Amino acid sequence: MVLWRGGVSCSAALGALVLKERKMYSINGNKCFVPWVTLALTVVAAGFYWLGDPWFDVLVWKSDWLARGEVWRILTGHLTHVSTDHLVWDLGVFIFLGSYLEKRRRGWLCGTIGLSIVLVDLLLRMTGRFDAYCGLSAIDIGLFASVCLVLLKEGKKGQDRVVFWLGGLGLLLALGKVAFEWMAREPLFVTELGRGFAVATESHLAGFLAAVVVFLFARIWHGVRVAIGATRRLQKCNATGERVERLSSCTK
């Protein structure tokens, strides 16, 4: 129910206030954003690595997780790492990109992470090249592409050419890297991760595709919401016009 007074929507004002309080927190009198999702996943990934070798085989993604009924592997595999270098590089990129994206589009962050997890599983099964997989590289690629798409969107909206072209260049570089790795079936940079693990280029493609799908869905959903809002406003205007006409006919 929407209550109007003086041309101002009470529900819209309340929604804006709740959104503001949810996103901003006071630290020493200064407003500061806290990327809860990014921090939570970072802590979990670091905790998994701290558990050590006994838990590594329990948490890593395996191609037969569905047959075994080990559902957790589809998520925990992305938060498991084979070495300290693997963990530091993956988490460093994840914290930087995740915090930036969460501040601007928390929904995009969650959507990109969730869809990356699903697409990685599908592509790894489709190619059948790996029996095990671990690491945040797929999600990192997805977050990088999402950040570039945000820069494109914000640069275009604010007519900032530097931001717009920066986002476009980053997106093209990510696309070129993913396309090369998919065709060559070998990574562009790192080849070995340790413990006999190689880089799964399929995961990078999955992350990139996840970012694009989330972006397109957000655009479509925004268009639908705008159309619904316009339709409701038109219905209210028509209803108001009908009431005015009825009142005028009664007073004659």
Protein backbone atom coordinates (compact mmCIF):
# COMPACT_ATOMS: atom_id res chain seq x y z
CA MET A 1 0.00 0.00 0.00
CA VAL A 2 1.38 3.42 -0.95
CA LEU A 3 0.37 6.48 1.07
CA TRP A 4 0.69 9.88 -0.58
CA ARG A 5 0.95 13.19 1.22
CA GLY A 6 1.98 16.40 -0.44
CA GLY A 7 3.06 14.52 -3.55
CA VAL A 8 5.68 12.44 -1.67
CA SER A 9 5.54 8.64 -1.47
CA CYS A 10 5.87 7.50 2.15
CA SER A 11 6.79 3.99 1.14
CA ALA A 12 9.53 5.20 -1.20
CA ALA A 13 10.98 7.44 1.52
CA LEU A 14 10.94 4.58 4.03
CA GLY A 15 12.55 2.22 1.51
CA ALA A 16 15.31 4.74 0.82
CA LEU A 17 15.92 5.18 4.54
CA VAL A 18 16.15 1.42 5.15
CA LEU A 19 18.50 1.01 2.19
CA LYS A 20 20.71 3.81 3.47
CA GLU A 21 20.88 2.39 6.98
CA ARG A 22 21.64 -1.09 5.64
CA LYS A 23 24.54 0.06 3.51
CA MET A 24 26.15 2.66 5.75
CA TYR A 25 27.56 2.17 9.23
CA SER A 26 29.03 4.70 11.61
CA ILE A 27 32.67 4.35 12.64
CA ASN A 28 34.00 7.18 14.85
CA GLY A 29 31.27 9.42 13.51
CA ASN A 30 32.17 8.70 9.86
CA LYS A 31 30.00 6.70 7.51
CA CYS A 32 31.74 3.60 6.20
CA PHE A 33 30.57 0.78 3.91
CA VAL A 34 31.14 -2.78 5.13
CA PRO A 35 31.28 -5.51 2.41
CA TRP A 36 29.81 -8.28 4.55
CA VAL A 37 29.47 -10.87 1.77
CA THR A 38 33.07 -10.41 0.59
CA LEU A 39 34.46 -10.50 4.12
CA ALA A 40 32.42 -13.57 5.09
CA LEU A 41 33.61 -15.62 2.11
CA THR A 42 37.19 -14.45 2.68
CA VAL A 43 37.11 -15.66 6.28
CA VAL A 44 35.64 -19.02 5.22
CA ALA A 45 38.29 -19.53 2.53
CA ALA A 46 41.10 -18.67 4.94
CA GLY A 47 39.55 -20.99 7.53
CA PHE A 48 39.39 -23.87 5.08
CA TYR A 49 43.09 -23.44 4.29
CA TRP A 50 43.92 -23.25 8.00
CA LEU A 51 42.22 -26.64 8.55
CA GLY A 52 45.07 -28.21 6.57
CA ASP A 53 45.51 -31.31 4.43
CA PRO A 54 43.07 -33.61 6.26
CA TRP A 55 40.15 -31.46 5.17
CA PHE A 56 41.40 -30.60 1.67
CA ASP A 57 40.13 -33.82 0.09
CA VAL A 58 36.81 -33.42 1.89
CA LEU A 59 36.17 -29.89 0.61
CA VAL A 60 37.59 -29.83 -2.94
CA TRP A 61 35.21 -30.09 -5.93
CA LYS A 62 35.07 -33.54 -7.48
CA SER A 63 33.32 -34.63 -10.63
CA ASP A 64 31.40 -37.39 -8.86
CA TRP A 65 30.09 -35.24 -6.00
CA LEU A 66 26.51 -35.71 -7.15
CA ALA A 67 26.76 -39.51 -7.25
CA ARG A 68 28.30 -39.52 -3.78
CA GLY A 69 25.69 -37.12 -2.44
CA GLU A 70 28.43 -34.70 -1.32
CA VAL A 71 26.52 -31.56 -2.25
CA TRP A 72 28.76 -29.20 -0.28
CA ARG A 73 31.64 -29.72 -2.73
CA ILE A 74 30.00 -27.57 -5.42
CA LEU A 75 30.48 -24.56 -3.09
CA THR A 76 33.44 -25.45 -0.88
CA GLY A 77 35.61 -26.34 -3.87
CA HIS A 78 35.76 -22.65 -4.80
CA LEU A 79 36.88 -21.74 -1.28
CA THR A 80 39.63 -24.40 -1.11
CA HIS A 81 43.23 -23.74 -2.22
CA VAL A 82 46.26 -25.92 -2.84
CA SER A 83 49.00 -23.59 -1.57
CA THR A 84 49.63 -20.34 0.25
CA ASP A 85 50.45 -18.54 -3.01
CA HIS A 86 47.24 -19.85 -4.56
CA LEU A 87 45.25 -18.61 -1.55
CA VAL A 88 46.93 -15.19 -1.34
CA TRP A 89 46.54 -14.37 -5.03
CA ASP A 90 42.94 -15.58 -5.24
CA LEU A 91 41.85 -13.84 -2.05
CA GLY A 92 43.73 -10.64 -2.86
CA VAL A 93 41.87 -10.25 -6.15
CA PHE A 94 38.59 -11.39 -4.59
CA ILE A 95 38.74 -8.87 -1.71
CA PHE A 96 39.59 -5.96 -3.99
CA LEU A 97 37.03 -6.68 -6.72
CA GLY A 98 34.39 -8.06 -4.37
CA SER A 99 34.45 -5.03 -2.08
CA TYR A 100 34.24 -2.62 -5.01
CA LEU A 101 31.36 -4.46 -6.63
CA GLU A 102 29.48 -5.07 -3.37
CA LYS A 103 29.51 -1.35 -2.60
CA ARG A 104 27.85 -0.53 -5.91
CA ARG A 105 25.84 -3.63 -6.80
CA ARG A 106 25.52 -6.21 -4.02
CA GLY A 107 22.94 -8.09 -6.08
CA TRP A 108 25.40 -8.36 -8.96
CA LEU A 109 28.05 -9.69 -6.59
CA CYS A 110 25.81 -12.45 -5.23
CA GLY A 111 24.43 -13.26 -8.67
CA THR A 112 27.88 -13.50 -10.26
CA ILE A 113 29.21 -15.72 -7.48
CA GLY A 114 26.19 -18.04 -7.53
CA LEU A 115 26.00 -18.36 -11.30
CA SER A 116 29.78 -18.86 -11.58
CA ILE A 117 29.52 -21.83 -9.22
CA VAL A 118 26.78 -23.41 -11.33
CA LEU A 119 28.47 -22.78 -14.69
CA VAL A 120 31.85 -24.06 -13.51
CA ASP A 121 30.25 -27.35 -12.53
CA LEU A 122 28.45 -27.61 -15.87
CA LEU A 123 31.51 -26.80 -18.02
CA LEU A 124 33.83 -29.08 -16.07
CA ARG A 125 31.36 -31.91 -16.54
CA MET A 126 30.92 -31.07 -20.20
CA THR A 127 34.65 -31.17 -21.00
CA GLY A 128 35.47 -33.99 -18.60
CA ARG A 129 39.13 -32.93 -18.36
CA PHE A 130 39.29 -32.72 -14.58
CA ASP A 131 38.28 -34.99 -11.73
CA ALA A 132 38.96 -32.29 -9.10
CA TYR A 133 38.88 -28.50 -9.00
CA CYS A 134 39.53 -25.80 -6.41
CA GLY A 135 40.11 -22.06 -6.13
CA LEU A 136 38.42 -18.69 -6.60
CA SER A 137 39.77 -17.97 -10.08
CA ALA A 138 36.41 -18.48 -11.80
CA ILE A 139 34.66 -16.13 -9.40
CA ASP A 140 37.54 -13.63 -9.67
CA ILE A 141 37.20 -13.52 -13.46
CA GLY A 142 33.45 -13.06 -13.08
CA LEU A 143 33.92 -10.22 -10.60
CA PHE A 144 36.47 -8.53 -12.86
CA ALA A 145 34.04 -8.66 -15.79
CA SER A 146 31.20 -7.39 -13.56
CA VAL A 147 33.31 -4.46 -12.33
CA CYS A 148 34.13 -3.57 -15.94
CA LEU A 149 30.42 -3.67 -16.81
CA VAL A 150 29.65 -1.40 -13.85
CA LEU A 151 32.31 1.05 -15.07
CA LEU A 152 30.79 0.97 -18.54
CA LYS A 153 27.32 1.62 -17.15
CA GLU A 154 28.35 4.36 -14.75
CA GLY A 155 30.67 5.99 -17.29
CA LYS A 156 27.90 6.13 -19.88
CA LYS A 157 25.35 7.40 -17.37
CA GLY A 158 27.66 10.08 -16.00
CA GLN A 159 29.16 10.87 -19.41
CA ASP A 160 32.63 10.13 -18.06
CA ARG A 161 34.69 8.94 -21.02
CA VAL A 162 37.67 7.85 -18.91
CA VAL A 163 35.56 5.53 -16.75
CA PHE A 164 33.62 4.29 -19.79
CA TRP A 165 36.71 3.42 -21.83
CA LEU A 166 38.48 1.95 -18.80
CA GLY A 167 35.59 -0.45 -18.30
CA GLY A 168 35.45 -1.26 -22.01
CA LEU A 169 39.17 -1.94 -22.25
CA GLY A 170 39.11 -4.18 -19.19
CA LEU A 171 36.15 -6.13 -20.56
CA LEU A 172 37.86 -6.64 -23.93
CA LEU A 173 41.05 -7.84 -22.26
CA ALA A 174 39.11 -10.30 -20.12
CA LEU A 175 37.18 -11.53 -23.15
CA GLY A 176 40.39 -11.96 -25.15
CA LYS A 177 42.03 -13.92 -22.33
CA VAL A 178 39.03 -16.21 -21.89
CA ALA A 179 38.65 -16.77 -25.65
CA PHE A 180 42.34 -17.61 -26.09
CA GLU A 181 42.35 -20.03 -23.17
CA TRP A 182 39.17 -21.76 -24.37
CA MET A 183 40.52 -22.28 -27.90
CA ALA A 184 44.06 -23.20 -26.85
CA ARG A 185 42.89 -25.30 -23.88
CA GLU A 186 45.76 -23.90 -21.83
CA PRO A 187 46.04 -20.95 -19.42
CA LEU A 188 47.58 -17.68 -20.54
CA PHE A 189 49.67 -17.19 -17.40
CA VAL A 190 49.92 -19.75 -14.56
CA THR A 191 49.97 -23.43 -15.60
CA GLU A 192 50.64 -25.36 -12.37
CA LEU A 193 49.08 -24.72 -8.96
CA GLY A 194 50.77 -27.48 -6.99
CA ARG A 195 49.71 -30.93 -5.79
CA GLY A 196 49.27 -31.95 -9.41
CA PHE A 197 46.52 -29.39 -10.03
CA ALA A 198 46.47 -27.54 -13.36
CA VAL A 199 44.52 -24.40 -14.24
CA ALA A 200 41.02 -25.20 -15.54
CA THR A 201 40.43 -22.71 -18.33
CA GLU A 202 36.77 -23.77 -18.40
CA SER A 203 36.30 -22.07 -15.05
CA HIS A 204 37.47 -18.72 -16.43
CA LEU A 205 34.92 -18.93 -19.24
CA ALA A 206 32.23 -19.82 -16.71
CA GLY A 207 33.02 -16.77 -14.58
CA PHE A 208 32.97 -14.43 -17.57
CA LEU A 209 29.66 -15.84 -18.84
CA ALA A 210 28.15 -15.52 -15.36
CA ALA A 211 28.99 -11.81 -15.24
CA VAL A 212 27.45 -11.18 -18.67
CA VAL A 213 24.27 -13.11 -17.84
CA VAL A 214 23.83 -11.24 -14.53
CA PHE A 215 24.34 -7.92 -16.32
CA LEU A 216 21.76 -8.76 -18.99
CA PHE A 217 19.28 -10.02 -16.41
CA ALA A 218 19.71 -6.79 -14.40
CA ARG A 219 19.03 -4.72 -17.52
CA ILE A 220 15.92 -6.73 -18.38
CA TRP A 221 14.64 -6.66 -14.79
CA HIS A 222 15.18 -2.90 -14.61
CA GLY A 223 13.18 -2.47 -17.82
CA VAL A 224 10.37 -4.64 -16.45
CA ARG A 225 10.24 -2.64 -13.20
CA VAL A 226 10.14 0.63 -15.11
CA ALA A 227 7.33 -0.68 -17.31
CA ILE A 228 5.37 -1.92 -14.30
CA GLY A 229 5.83 1.41 -12.51
CA ALA A 230 4.68 3.34 -15.57
CA THR A 231 1.62 1.11 -15.93
CA ARG A 232 0.66 1.58 -12.28
CA ARG A 233 1.05 5.34 -12.51
CA LEU A 234 -1.10 5.38 -15.63
CA GLN A 235 -3.77 3.30 -13.90
CA LYS A 236 -3.77 5.69 -10.94
CA CYS A 237 -4.09 8.68 -13.25
CA ASN A 238 -6.99 7.02 -15.08
CA ALA A 239 -8.68 6.14 -11.79
CA THR A 240 -8.23 9.73 -10.56
CA GLY A 241 -9.66 11.05 -13.81
CA GLU A 242 -12.68 8.79 -13.52
CA ARG A 243 -13.33 9.96 -9.93
CA VAL A 244 -13.11 13.60 -11.04
CA GLU A 245 -15.57 12.96 -13.85
CA ARG A 246 -18.00 11.22 -11.47
CA LEU A 247 -17.74 14.08 -8.97
CA SER A 248 -18.34 16.62 -11.73
CA SER A 249 -21.41 14.75 -12.96
CA CYS A 250 -22.82 14.60 -9.41
CA THR A 251 -22.46 18.33 -8.84
CA LYS A 252 -24.26 19.27 -12.05
